[in-house]
Amino acid sequence: MGKCGGIVAIGFESSRILKNLGFSRFLELWGIISVNLAIVNLLPFPGLDGWQLLVLIVEATTRKKIPDKVKNIISFIGLALLFSLMAVILVFDVIKYIF
């Protein structure tokens, strides 16, 4: 534990932990990953669940509905940024761990 990376790094590290430290540490790692994923998912970034919570809070406080077209455009841009970030991290992981 302690290395940063994407899905390739997670695969390498979790298999290393399972091999060297045992099944309980492996489950502990995946528990930590699950909690981190839940916390990150609550960030108010378009495309994540936190974005939906932010929209609900804004609509409740202003008592005005944000147009669906605006929400869809912002969500699309957010998802495009997230997928771009995931692709960049995947490329760096492949370069680091495979080559």
PDB file of N, CA and C in Angstrom:
ATOM      1  N   MET A   1       0.842  -1.174   0.000  1.00  0.00           N
ATOM      2  CA  MET A   1       0.000   0.000   0.000  1.00  0.00           C
ATOM      3  C   MET A   1       0.885   1.235   0.000  1.00  0.00           C
ATOM      4  N   GLY A   2       0.370   2.342  -0.494  1.00  0.00           N
ATOM      5  CA  GLY A   2       1.150   3.542  -0.498  1.00  0.00           C
ATOM      6  C   GLY A   2       1.464   4.042  -1.897  1.00  0.00           C
ATOM      7  N   LYS A   3       1.307   3.210  -2.905  1.00  0.00           N
ATOM      8  CA  LYS A   3       1.539   3.658  -4.264  1.00  0.00           C
ATOM      9  C   LYS A   3       0.252   4.249  -4.821  1.00  0.00           C
ATOM     10  N   CYS A   4       0.407   5.227  -5.691  1.00  0.00           N
ATOM     11  CA  CYS A   4      -0.749   5.829  -6.346  1.00  0.00           C
ATOM     12  C   CYS A   4      -0.849   5.282  -7.757  1.00  0.00           C
ATOM     13  N   GLY A   5      -2.037   5.272  -8.278  1.00  0.00           N
ATOM     14  CA  GLY A   5      -2.218   4.829  -9.641  1.00  0.00           C
ATOM     15  C   GLY A   5      -3.664   4.536  -9.939  1.00  0.00           C
ATOM     16  N   GLY A   6      -3.888   4.011 -11.112  1.00  0.00           N
ATOM     17  CA  GLY A   6      -5.224   3.696 -11.565  1.00  0.00           C
ATOM     18  C   GLY A   6      -5.527   2.223 -11.429  1.00  0.00           C
ATOM     19  N   ILE A   7      -6.320   1.742 -12.361  1.00  0.00           N
ATOM     20  CA  ILE A   7      -6.823   0.379 -12.260  1.00  0.00           C
ATOM     21  C   ILE A   7      -5.712  -0.663 -12.424  1.00  0.00           C
ATOM     22  N   VAL A   8      -4.729  -0.370 -13.246  1.00  0.00           N
ATOM     23  CA  VAL A   8      -3.620  -1.317 -13.424  1.00  0.00           C
ATOM     24  C   VAL A   8      -2.805  -1.396 -12.136  1.00  0.00           C
ATOM     25  N   ALA A   9      -2.535  -0.242 -11.520  1.00  0.00           N
ATOM     26  CA  ALA A   9      -1.787  -0.225 -10.259  1.00  0.00           C
ATOM     27  C   ALA A   9      -2.562  -0.939  -9.159  1.00  0.00           C
ATOM     28  N   ILE A  10      -3.875  -0.737  -9.126  1.00  0.00           N
ATOM     29  CA  ILE A  10      -4.702  -1.410  -8.124  1.00  0.00           C
ATOM     30  C   ILE A  10      -4.648  -2.919  -8.321  1.00  0.00           C
ATOM     31  N   GLY A  11      -4.689  -3.360  -9.556  1.00  0.00           N
ATOM     32  CA  GLY A  11      -4.598  -4.794  -9.835  1.00  0.00           C
ATOM     33  C   GLY A  11      -3.270  -5.386  -9.390  1.00  0.00           C
ATOM     34  N   PHE A  12      -2.187  -4.707  -9.726  1.00  0.00           N
ATOM     35  CA  PHE A  12      -0.863  -5.203  -9.334  1.00  0.00           C
ATOM     36  C   PHE A  12      -0.695  -5.207  -7.817  1.00  0.00           C
ATOM     37  N   GLU A  13      -1.094  -4.107  -7.176  1.00  0.00           N
ATOM     38  CA  GLU A  13      -0.920  -4.002  -5.728  1.00  0.00           C
ATOM     39  C   GLU A  13      -1.819  -4.976  -4.975  1.00  0.00           C
ATOM     40  N   SER A  14      -3.059  -5.134  -5.419  1.00  0.00           N
ATOM     41  CA  SER A  14      -3.951  -6.044  -4.698  1.00  0.00           C
ATOM     42  C   SER A  14      -3.506  -7.499  -4.870  1.00  0.00           C
ATOM     43  N   SER A  15      -3.005  -7.851  -6.042  1.00  0.00           N
ATOM     44  CA  SER A  15      -2.494  -9.220  -6.195  1.00  0.00           C
ATOM     45  C   SER A  15      -1.225  -9.433  -5.382  1.00  0.00           C
ATOM     46  N   ARG A  16      -0.379  -8.407  -5.269  1.00  0.00           N
ATOM     47  CA  ARG A  16       0.828  -8.500  -4.451  1.00  0.00           C
ATOM     48  C   ARG A  16       0.459  -8.674  -2.977  1.00  0.00           C
ATOM     49  N   ILE A  17      -0.526  -7.907  -2.529  1.00  0.00           N
ATOM     50  CA  ILE A  17      -0.974  -8.001  -1.136  1.00  0.00           C
ATOM     51  C   ILE A  17      -1.579  -9.368  -0.861  1.00  0.00           C
ATOM     52  N   LEU A  18      -2.387  -9.863  -1.779  1.00  0.00           N
ATOM     53  CA  LEU A  18      -2.989 -11.187  -1.595  1.00  0.00           C
ATOM     54  C   LEU A  18      -1.915 -12.266  -1.515  1.00  0.00           C
ATOM     55  N   LYS A  19      -0.911 -12.156  -2.362  1.00  0.00           N
ATOM     56  CA  LYS A  19       0.154 -13.163  -2.385  1.00  0.00           C
ATOM     57  C   LYS A  19       1.036 -13.093  -1.139  1.00  0.00           C
ATOM     58  N   ASN A  20       1.424 -11.892  -0.726  1.00  0.00           N
ATOM     59  CA  ASN A  20       2.416 -11.745   0.343  1.00  0.00           C
ATOM     60  C   ASN A  20       1.827 -11.586   1.738  1.00  0.00           C
ATOM     61  N   LEU A  21       0.659 -10.968   1.851  1.00  0.00           N
ATOM     62  CA  LEU A  21       0.146 -10.629   3.169  1.00  0.00           C
ATOM     63  C   LEU A  21      -1.113 -11.391   3.564  1.00  0.00           C
ATOM     64  N   GLY A  22      -1.745 -12.058   2.627  1.00  0.00           N
ATOM     65  CA  GLY A  22      -2.898 -12.882   2.965  1.00  0.00           C
ATOM     66  C   GLY A  22      -4.233 -12.251   2.622  1.00  0.00           C
ATOM     67  N   PHE A  23      -5.257 -13.086   2.800  1.00  0.00           N
ATOM     68  CA  PHE A  23      -6.607 -12.721   2.377  1.00  0.00           C
ATOM     69  C   PHE A  23      -7.207 -11.620   3.242  1.00  0.00           C
ATOM     70  N   SER A  24      -6.891 -11.578   4.527  1.00  0.00           N
ATOM     71  CA  SER A  24      -7.474 -10.546   5.395  1.00  0.00           C
ATOM     72  C   SER A  24      -6.966  -9.150   5.006  1.00  0.00           C
ATOM     73  N   ARG A  25      -5.697  -9.025   4.695  1.00  0.00           N
ATOM     74  CA  ARG A  25      -5.162  -7.734   4.245  1.00  0.00           C
ATOM     75  C   ARG A  25      -5.738  -7.350   2.881  1.00  0.00           C
ATOM     76  N   PHE A  26      -5.959  -8.363   2.022  1.00  0.00           N
ATOM     77  CA  PHE A  26      -6.567  -8.144   0.713  1.00  0.00           C
ATOM     78  C   PHE A  26      -7.969  -7.560   0.889  1.00  0.00           C
ATOM     79  N   LEU A  27      -8.759  -8.146   1.789  1.00  0.00           N
ATOM     80  CA  LEU A  27     -10.106  -7.631   2.056  1.00  0.00           C
ATOM     81  C   LEU A  27     -10.047  -6.236   2.683  1.00  0.00           C
ATOM     82  N   GLU A  28      -9.069  -6.008   3.528  1.00  0.00           N
ATOM     83  CA  GLU A  28      -8.900  -4.683   4.126  1.00  0.00           C
ATOM     84  C   GLU A  28      -8.621  -3.639   3.054  1.00  0.00           C
ATOM     85  N   LEU A  29      -7.756  -3.969   2.109  1.00  0.00           N
ATOM     86  CA  LEU A  29      -7.453  -3.070   0.999  1.00  0.00           C
ATOM     87  C   LEU A  29      -8.714  -2.731   0.216  1.00  0.00           C
ATOM     88  N   TRP A  30      -9.499  -3.735  -0.125  1.00  0.00           N
ATOM     89  CA  TRP A  30     -10.699  -3.490  -0.914  1.00  0.00           C
ATOM     90  C   TRP A  30     -11.770  -2.775  -0.101  1.00  0.00           C
ATOM     91  N   GLY A  31     -11.773  -2.938   1.198  1.00  0.00           N
ATOM     92  CA  GLY A  31     -12.669  -2.146   2.040  1.00  0.00           C
ATOM     93  C   GLY A  31     -12.289  -0.680   2.006  1.00  0.00           C
ATOM     94  N   ILE A  32     -10.996  -0.403   2.085  1.00  0.00           N
ATOM     95  CA  ILE A  32     -10.508   0.980   2.022  1.00  0.00           C
ATOM     96  C   ILE A  32     -10.821   1.592   0.659  1.00  0.00           C
ATOM     97  N   ILE A  33     -10.615   0.824  -0.402  1.00  0.00           N
ATOM     98  CA  ILE A  33     -10.925   1.315  -1.744  1.00  0.00           C
ATOM     99  C   ILE A  33     -12.412   1.633  -1.866  1.00  0.00           C
ATOM    100  N   SER A  34     -13.269   0.788  -1.309  1.00  0.00           N
ATOM    101  CA  SER A  34     -14.711   1.019  -1.387  1.00  0.00           C
ATOM    102  C   SER A  34     -15.132   2.275  -0.643  1.00  0.00           C
ATOM    103  N   VAL A  35     -14.580   2.487   0.537  1.00  0.00           N
ATOM    104  CA  VAL A  35     -14.907   3.691   1.312  1.00  0.00           C
ATOM    105  C   VAL A  35     -14.403   4.935   0.577  1.00  0.00           C
ATOM    106  N   ASN A  36     -13.191   4.874   0.039  1.00  0.00           N
ATOM    107  CA  ASN A  36     -12.663   6.010  -0.717  1.00  0.00           C
ATOM    108  C   ASN A  36     -13.513   6.317  -1.931  1.00  0.00           C
ATOM    109  N   LEU A  37     -13.953   5.289  -2.621  1.00  0.00           N
ATOM    110  CA  LEU A  37     -14.809   5.485  -3.794  1.00  0.00           C
ATOM    111  C   LEU A  37     -16.127   6.142  -3.409  1.00  0.00           C
ATOM    112  N   ALA A  38     -16.697   5.742  -2.288  1.00  0.00           N
ATOM    113  CA  ALA A  38     -17.955   6.344  -1.821  1.00  0.00           C
ATOM    114  C   ALA A  38     -17.757   7.818  -1.492  1.00  0.00           C
ATOM    115  N   ILE A  39     -16.647   8.152  -0.849  1.00  0.00           N
ATOM    116  CA  ILE A  39     -16.376   9.549  -0.491  1.00  0.00           C
ATOM    117  C   ILE A  39     -16.142  10.390  -1.745  1.00  0.00           C
ATOM    118  N   VAL A  40     -15.345   9.894  -2.665  1.00  0.00           N
ATOM    119  CA  VAL A  40     -15.059  10.630  -3.895  1.00  0.00           C
ATOM    120  C   VAL A  40     -16.333  10.811  -4.714  1.00  0.00           C
ATOM    121  N   ASN A  41     -17.200   9.828  -4.704  1.00  0.00           N
ATOM    122  CA  ASN A  41     -18.445   9.902  -5.458  1.00  0.00           C
ATOM    123  C   ASN A  41     -19.356  11.012  -4.942  1.00  0.00           C
ATOM    124  N   LEU A  42     -19.169  11.446  -3.697  1.00  0.00           N
ATOM    125  CA  LEU A  42     -19.984  12.519  -3.126  1.00  0.00           C
ATOM    126  C   LEU A  42     -19.433  13.912  -3.406  1.00  0.00           C
ATOM    127  N   LEU A  43     -18.306  13.996  -4.104  1.00  0.00           N
ATOM    128  CA  LEU A  43     -17.780  15.309  -4.482  1.00  0.00           C
ATOM    129  C   LEU A  43     -18.755  15.982  -5.451  1.00  0.00           C
ATOM    130  N   PRO A  44     -18.956  17.294  -5.303  1.00  0.00           N
ATOM    131  CA  PRO A  44     -19.913  17.978  -6.181  1.00  0.00           C
ATOM    132  C   PRO A  44     -19.327  18.286  -7.559  1.00  0.00           C
ATOM    133  N   PHE A  45     -18.969  17.239  -8.273  1.00  0.00           N
ATOM    134  CA  PHE A  45     -18.421  17.361  -9.622  1.00  0.00           C
ATOM    135  C   PHE A  45     -19.437  16.786 -10.600  1.00  0.00           C
ATOM    136  N   PRO A  46     -19.689  17.468 -11.707  1.00  0.00           N
ATOM    137  CA  PRO A  46     -20.677  16.953 -12.667  1.00  0.00           C
ATOM    138  C   PRO A  46     -20.345  15.528 -13.113  1.00  0.00           C
ATOM    139  N   GLY A  47     -21.337  14.688 -13.072  1.00  0.00           N
ATOM    140  CA  GLY A  47     -21.165  13.289 -13.439  1.00  0.00           C
ATOM    141  C   GLY A  47     -21.109  12.373 -12.231  1.00  0.00           C
ATOM    142  N   LEU A  48     -20.869  12.928 -11.060  1.00  0.00           N
ATOM    143  CA  LEU A  48     -20.841  12.142  -9.835  1.00  0.00           C
ATOM    144  C   LEU A  48     -22.131  12.380  -9.050  1.00  0.00           C
ATOM    145  N   ASP A  49     -22.385  11.556  -8.045  1.00  0.00           N
ATOM    146  CA  ASP A  49     -23.597  11.702  -7.244  1.00  0.00           C
ATOM    147  C   ASP A  49     -23.620  12.997  -6.451  1.00  0.00           C
ATOM    148  N   GLY A  50     -22.465  13.499  -6.069  1.00  0.00           N
ATOM    149  CA  GLY A  50     -22.391  14.764  -5.360  1.00  0.00           C
ATOM    150  C   GLY A  50     -22.942  15.916  -6.194  1.00  0.00           C
ATOM    151  N   TRP A  51     -22.812  15.810  -7.500  1.00  0.00           N
ATOM    152  CA  TRP A  51     -23.379  16.815  -8.398  1.00  0.00           C
ATOM    153  C   TRP A  51     -24.898  16.832  -8.279  1.00  0.00           C
ATOM    154  N   GLN A  52     -25.502  15.665  -8.212  1.00  0.00           N
ATOM    155  CA  GLN A  52     -26.958  15.596  -8.071  1.00  0.00           C
ATOM    156  C   GLN A  52     -27.395  16.185  -6.730  1.00  0.00           C
ATOM    157  N   LEU A  53     -26.626  15.908  -5.685  1.00  0.00           N
ATOM    158  CA  LEU A  53     -26.934  16.494  -4.376  1.00  0.00           C
ATOM    159  C   LEU A  53     -26.810  18.015  -4.409  1.00  0.00           C
ATOM    160  N   LEU A  54     -25.781  18.518  -5.069  1.00  0.00           N
ATOM    161  CA  LEU A  54     -25.597  19.960  -5.186  1.00  0.00           C
ATOM    162  C   LEU A  54     -26.759  20.589  -5.942  1.00  0.00           C
ATOM    163  N   VAL A  55     -27.190  19.966  -7.020  1.00  0.00           N
ATOM    164  CA  VAL A  55     -28.324  20.481  -7.790  1.00  0.00           C
ATOM    165  C   VAL A  55     -29.577  20.509  -6.921  1.00  0.00           C
ATOM    166  N   LEU A  56     -29.808  19.440  -6.160  1.00  0.00           N
ATOM    167  CA  LEU A  56     -30.973  19.408  -5.275  1.00  0.00           C
ATOM    168  C   LEU A  56     -30.911  20.508  -4.222  1.00  0.00           C
ATOM    169  N   ILE A  57     -29.740  20.736  -3.652  1.00  0.00           N
ATOM    170  CA  ILE A  57     -29.585  21.778  -2.637  1.00  0.00           C
ATOM    171  C   ILE A  57     -29.818  23.163  -3.243  1.00  0.00           C
ATOM    172  N   VAL A  58     -29.241  23.410  -4.422  1.00  0.00           N
ATOM    173  CA  VAL A  58     -29.416  24.711  -5.082  1.00  0.00           C
ATOM    174  C   VAL A  58     -30.885  24.924  -5.434  1.00  0.00           C
ATOM    175  N   GLU A  59     -31.533  23.908  -5.986  1.00  0.00           N
ATOM    176  CA  GLU A  59     -32.942  24.044  -6.346  1.00  0.00           C
ATOM    177  C   GLU A  59     -33.828  24.227  -5.120  1.00  0.00           C
ATOM    178  N   ALA A  60     -33.476  23.591  -4.019  1.00  0.00           N
ATOM    179  CA  ALA A  60     -34.271  23.723  -2.793  1.00  0.00           C
ATOM    180  C   ALA A  60     -34.095  25.101  -2.164  1.00  0.00           C
ATOM    181  N   THR A  61     -32.875  25.628  -2.201  1.00  0.00           N
ATOM    182  CA  THR A  61     -32.650  26.928  -1.566  1.00  0.00           C
ATOM    183  C   THR A  61     -33.178  28.077  -2.427  1.00  0.00           C
ATOM    184  N   THR A  62     -33.038  27.971  -3.741  1.00  0.00           N
ATOM    185  CA  THR A  62     -33.518  29.045  -4.614  1.00  0.00           C
ATOM    186  C   THR A  62     -34.981  28.868  -5.000  1.00  0.00           C
ATOM    187  N   ARG A  63     -35.499  27.665  -4.809  1.00  0.00           N
ATOM    188  CA  ARG A  63     -36.877  27.321  -5.196  1.00  0.00           C
ATOM    189  C   ARG A  63     -37.136  27.553  -6.673  1.00  0.00           C
ATOM    190  N   LYS A  64     -36.074  27.406  -7.454  1.00  0.00           N
ATOM    191  CA  LYS A  64     -36.173  27.478  -8.912  1.00  0.00           C
ATOM    192  C   LYS A  64     -35.536  26.230  -9.482  1.00  0.00           C
ATOM    193  N   LYS A  65     -36.169  25.683 -10.494  1.00  0.00           N
ATOM    194  CA  LYS A  65     -35.642  24.473 -11.125  1.00  0.00           C
ATOM    195  C   LYS A  65     -34.594  24.862 -12.158  1.00  0.00           C
ATOM    196  N   ILE A  66     -33.462  24.209 -12.086  1.00  0.00           N
ATOM    197  CA  ILE A  66     -32.430  24.402 -13.103  1.00  0.00           C
ATOM    198  C   ILE A  66     -32.912  23.670 -14.356  1.00  0.00           C
ATOM    199  N   PRO A  67     -32.853  24.326 -15.508  1.00  0.00           N
ATOM    200  CA  PRO A  67     -33.336  23.665 -16.733  1.00  0.00           C
ATOM    201  C   PRO A  67     -32.598  22.353 -17.004  1.00  0.00           C
ATOM    202  N   ASP A  68     -33.355  21.359 -17.443  1.00  0.00           N
ATOM    203  CA  ASP A  68     -32.760  20.048 -17.724  1.00  0.00           C
ATOM    204  C   ASP A  68     -31.653  20.129 -18.767  1.00  0.00           C
ATOM    205  N   LYS A  69     -31.833  21.005 -19.748  1.00  0.00           N
ATOM    206  CA  LYS A  69     -30.822  21.139 -20.794  1.00  0.00           C
ATOM    207  C   LYS A  69     -29.486  21.599 -20.194  1.00  0.00           C
ATOM    208  N   VAL A  70     -29.533  22.544 -19.267  1.00  0.00           N
ATOM    209  CA  VAL A  70     -28.309  23.043 -18.621  1.00  0.00           C
ATOM    210  C   VAL A  70     -27.663  21.935 -17.793  1.00  0.00           C
ATOM    211  N   LYS A  71     -28.478  21.212 -17.011  1.00  0.00           N
ATOM    212  CA  LYS A  71     -27.936  20.111 -16.205  1.00  0.00           C
ATOM    213  C   LYS A  71     -27.317  19.039 -17.088  1.00  0.00           C
ATOM    214  N   ASN A  72     -27.961  18.724 -18.202  1.00  0.00           N
ATOM    215  CA  ASN A  72     -27.427  17.691 -19.094  1.00  0.00           C
ATOM    216  C   ASN A  72     -26.110  18.116 -19.728  1.00  0.00           C
ATOM    217  N   ILE A  73     -26.026  19.378 -20.155  1.00  0.00           N
ATOM    218  CA  ILE A  73     -24.782  19.863 -20.771  1.00  0.00           C
ATOM    219  C   ILE A  73     -23.642  19.843 -19.752  1.00  0.00           C
ATOM    220  N   ILE A  74     -23.905  20.333 -18.542  1.00  0.00           N
ATOM    221  CA  ILE A  74     -22.863  20.350 -17.505  1.00  0.00           C
ATOM    222  C   ILE A  74     -22.454  18.925 -17.136  1.00  0.00           C
ATOM    223  N   SER A  75     -23.432  18.024 -17.021  1.00  0.00           N
ATOM    224  CA  SER A  75     -23.118  16.618 -16.703  1.00  0.00           C
ATOM    225  C   SER A  75     -22.287  15.980 -17.811  1.00  0.00           C
ATOM    226  N   PHE A  76     -22.623  16.277 -19.058  1.00  0.00           N
ATOM    227  CA  PHE A  76     -21.860  15.720 -20.186  1.00  0.00           C
ATOM    228  C   PHE A  76     -20.418  16.205 -20.155  1.00  0.00           C
ATOM    229  N   ILE A  77     -20.221  17.493 -19.906  1.00  0.00           N
ATOM    230  CA  ILE A  77     -18.864  18.040 -19.838  1.00  0.00           C
ATOM    231  C   ILE A  77     -18.096  17.408 -18.679  1.00  0.00           C
ATOM    232  N   GLY A  78     -18.750  17.267 -17.525  1.00  0.00           N
ATOM    233  CA  GLY A  78     -18.104  16.641 -16.375  1.00  0.00           C
ATOM    234  C   GLY A  78     -17.708  15.199 -16.642  1.00  0.00           C
ATOM    235  N   LEU A  79     -18.622  14.446 -17.267  1.00  0.00           N
ATOM    236  CA  LEU A  79     -18.295  13.057 -17.594  1.00  0.00           C
ATOM    237  C   LEU A  79     -17.165  12.970 -18.608  1.00  0.00           C
ATOM    238  N   ALA A  80     -17.166  13.876 -19.584  1.00  0.00           N
ATOM    239  CA  ALA A  80     -16.078  13.883 -20.570  1.00  0.00           C
ATOM    240  C   ALA A  80     -14.734  14.136 -19.878  1.00  0.00           C
ATOM    241  N   LEU A  81     -14.717  15.074 -18.924  1.00  0.00           N
ATOM    242  CA  LEU A  81     -13.486  15.338 -18.180  1.00  0.00           C
ATOM    243  C   LEU A  81     -13.064  14.137 -17.340  1.00  0.00           C
ATOM    244  N   LEU A  82     -14.050  13.489 -16.687  1.00  0.00           N
ATOM    245  CA  LEU A  82     -13.726  12.304 -15.882  1.00  0.00           C
ATOM    246  C   LEU A  82     -13.170  11.170 -16.748  1.00  0.00           C
ATOM    247  N   PHE A  83     -13.796  10.922 -17.885  1.00  0.00           N
ATOM    248  CA  PHE A  83     -13.312   9.852 -18.770  1.00  0.00           C
ATOM    249  C   PHE A  83     -11.937  10.190 -19.337  1.00  0.00           C
ATOM    250  N   SER A  84     -11.698  11.475 -19.622  1.00  0.00           N
ATOM    251  CA  SER A  84     -10.366  11.882 -20.099  1.00  0.00           C
ATOM    252  C   SER A  84      -9.315  11.644 -19.024  1.00  0.00           C
ATOM    253  N   LEU A  85      -9.636  12.019 -17.797  1.00  0.00           N
ATOM    254  CA  LEU A  85      -8.713  11.776 -16.691  1.00  0.00           C
ATOM    255  C   LEU A  85      -8.457  10.280 -16.510  1.00  0.00           C
ATOM    256  N   MET A  86      -9.499   9.465 -16.596  1.00  0.00           N
ATOM    257  CA  MET A  86      -9.335   8.015 -16.465  1.00  0.00           C
ATOM    258  C   MET A  86      -8.442   7.468 -17.577  1.00  0.00           C
ATOM    259  N   ALA A  87      -8.590   7.975 -18.797  1.00  0.00           N
ATOM    260  CA  ALA A  87      -7.764   7.509 -19.910  1.00  0.00           C
ATOM    261  C   ALA A  87      -6.301   7.877 -19.695  1.00  0.00           C
ATOM    262  N   VAL A  88      -6.052   9.103 -19.240  1.00  0.00           N
ATOM    263  CA  VAL A  88      -4.676   9.537 -18.984  1.00  0.00           C
ATOM    264  C   VAL A  88      -4.037   8.676 -17.893  1.00  0.00           C
ATOM    265  N   ILE A  89      -4.766   8.436 -16.820  1.00  0.00           N
ATOM    266  CA  ILE A  89      -4.238   7.612 -15.722  1.00  0.00           C
ATOM    267  C   ILE A  89      -3.985   6.185 -16.206  1.00  0.00           C
ATOM    268  N   LEU A  90      -4.866   5.655 -17.032  1.00  0.00           N
ATOM    269  CA  LEU A  90      -4.674   4.306 -17.564  1.00  0.00           C
ATOM    270  C   LEU A  90      -3.413   4.237 -18.419  1.00  0.00           C
ATOM    271  N   VAL A  91      -3.201   5.235 -19.259  1.00  0.00           N
ATOM    272  CA  VAL A  91      -2.004   5.242 -20.105  1.00  0.00           C
ATOM    273  C   VAL A  91      -0.741   5.287 -19.237  1.00  0.00           C
ATOM    274  N   PHE A  92      -0.724   6.159 -18.225  1.00  0.00           N
ATOM    275  CA  PHE A  92       0.448   6.230 -17.340  1.00  0.00           C
ATOM    276  C   PHE A  92       0.645   4.927 -16.577  1.00  0.00           C
ATOM    277  N   ASP A  93      -0.454   4.282 -16.149  1.00  0.00           N
ATOM    278  CA  ASP A  93      -0.335   2.990 -15.461  1.00  0.00           C
ATOM    279  C   ASP A  93       0.259   1.928 -16.374  1.00  0.00           C
ATOM    280  N   VAL A  94      -0.220   1.876 -17.592  1.00  0.00           N
ATOM    281  CA  VAL A  94       0.290   0.869 -18.534  1.00  0.00           C
ATOM    282  C   VAL A  94       1.770   1.105 -18.793  1.00  0.00           C
ATOM    283  N   ILE A  95       2.151   2.359 -18.977  1.00  0.00           N
ATOM    284  CA  ILE A  95       3.566   2.675 -19.204  1.00  0.00           C
ATOM    285  C   ILE A  95       4.401   2.290 -17.988  1.00  0.00           C
ATOM    286  N   LYS A  96       3.890   2.574 -16.787  1.00  0.00           N
ATOM    287  CA  LYS A  96       4.648   2.314 -15.565  1.00  0.00           C
ATOM    288  C   LYS A  96       4.736   0.834 -15.232  1.00  0.00           C
ATOM    289  N   TYR A  97       3.646   0.105 -15.356  1.00  0.00           N
ATOM    290  CA  TYR A  97       3.609  -1.273 -14.882  1.00  0.00           C
ATOM    291  C   TYR A  97       3.849  -2.313 -15.966  1.00  0.00           C
ATOM    292  N   ILE A  98       3.540  -2.004 -17.195  1.00  0.00           N
ATOM    293  CA  ILE A  98       3.676  -3.009 -18.255  1.00  0.00           C
ATOM    294  C   ILE A  98       5.011  -2.862 -18.983  1.00  0.00           C
ATOM    295  N   PHE A  99       5.432  -1.643 -19.260  1.00  0.00           N
ATOM    296  CA  PHE A  99       6.663  -1.450 -20.034  1.00  0.00           C
ATOM    297  C   PHE A  99       7.832  -1.217 -19.163  1.00  0.00           C
TER     298      PHE A  99
END
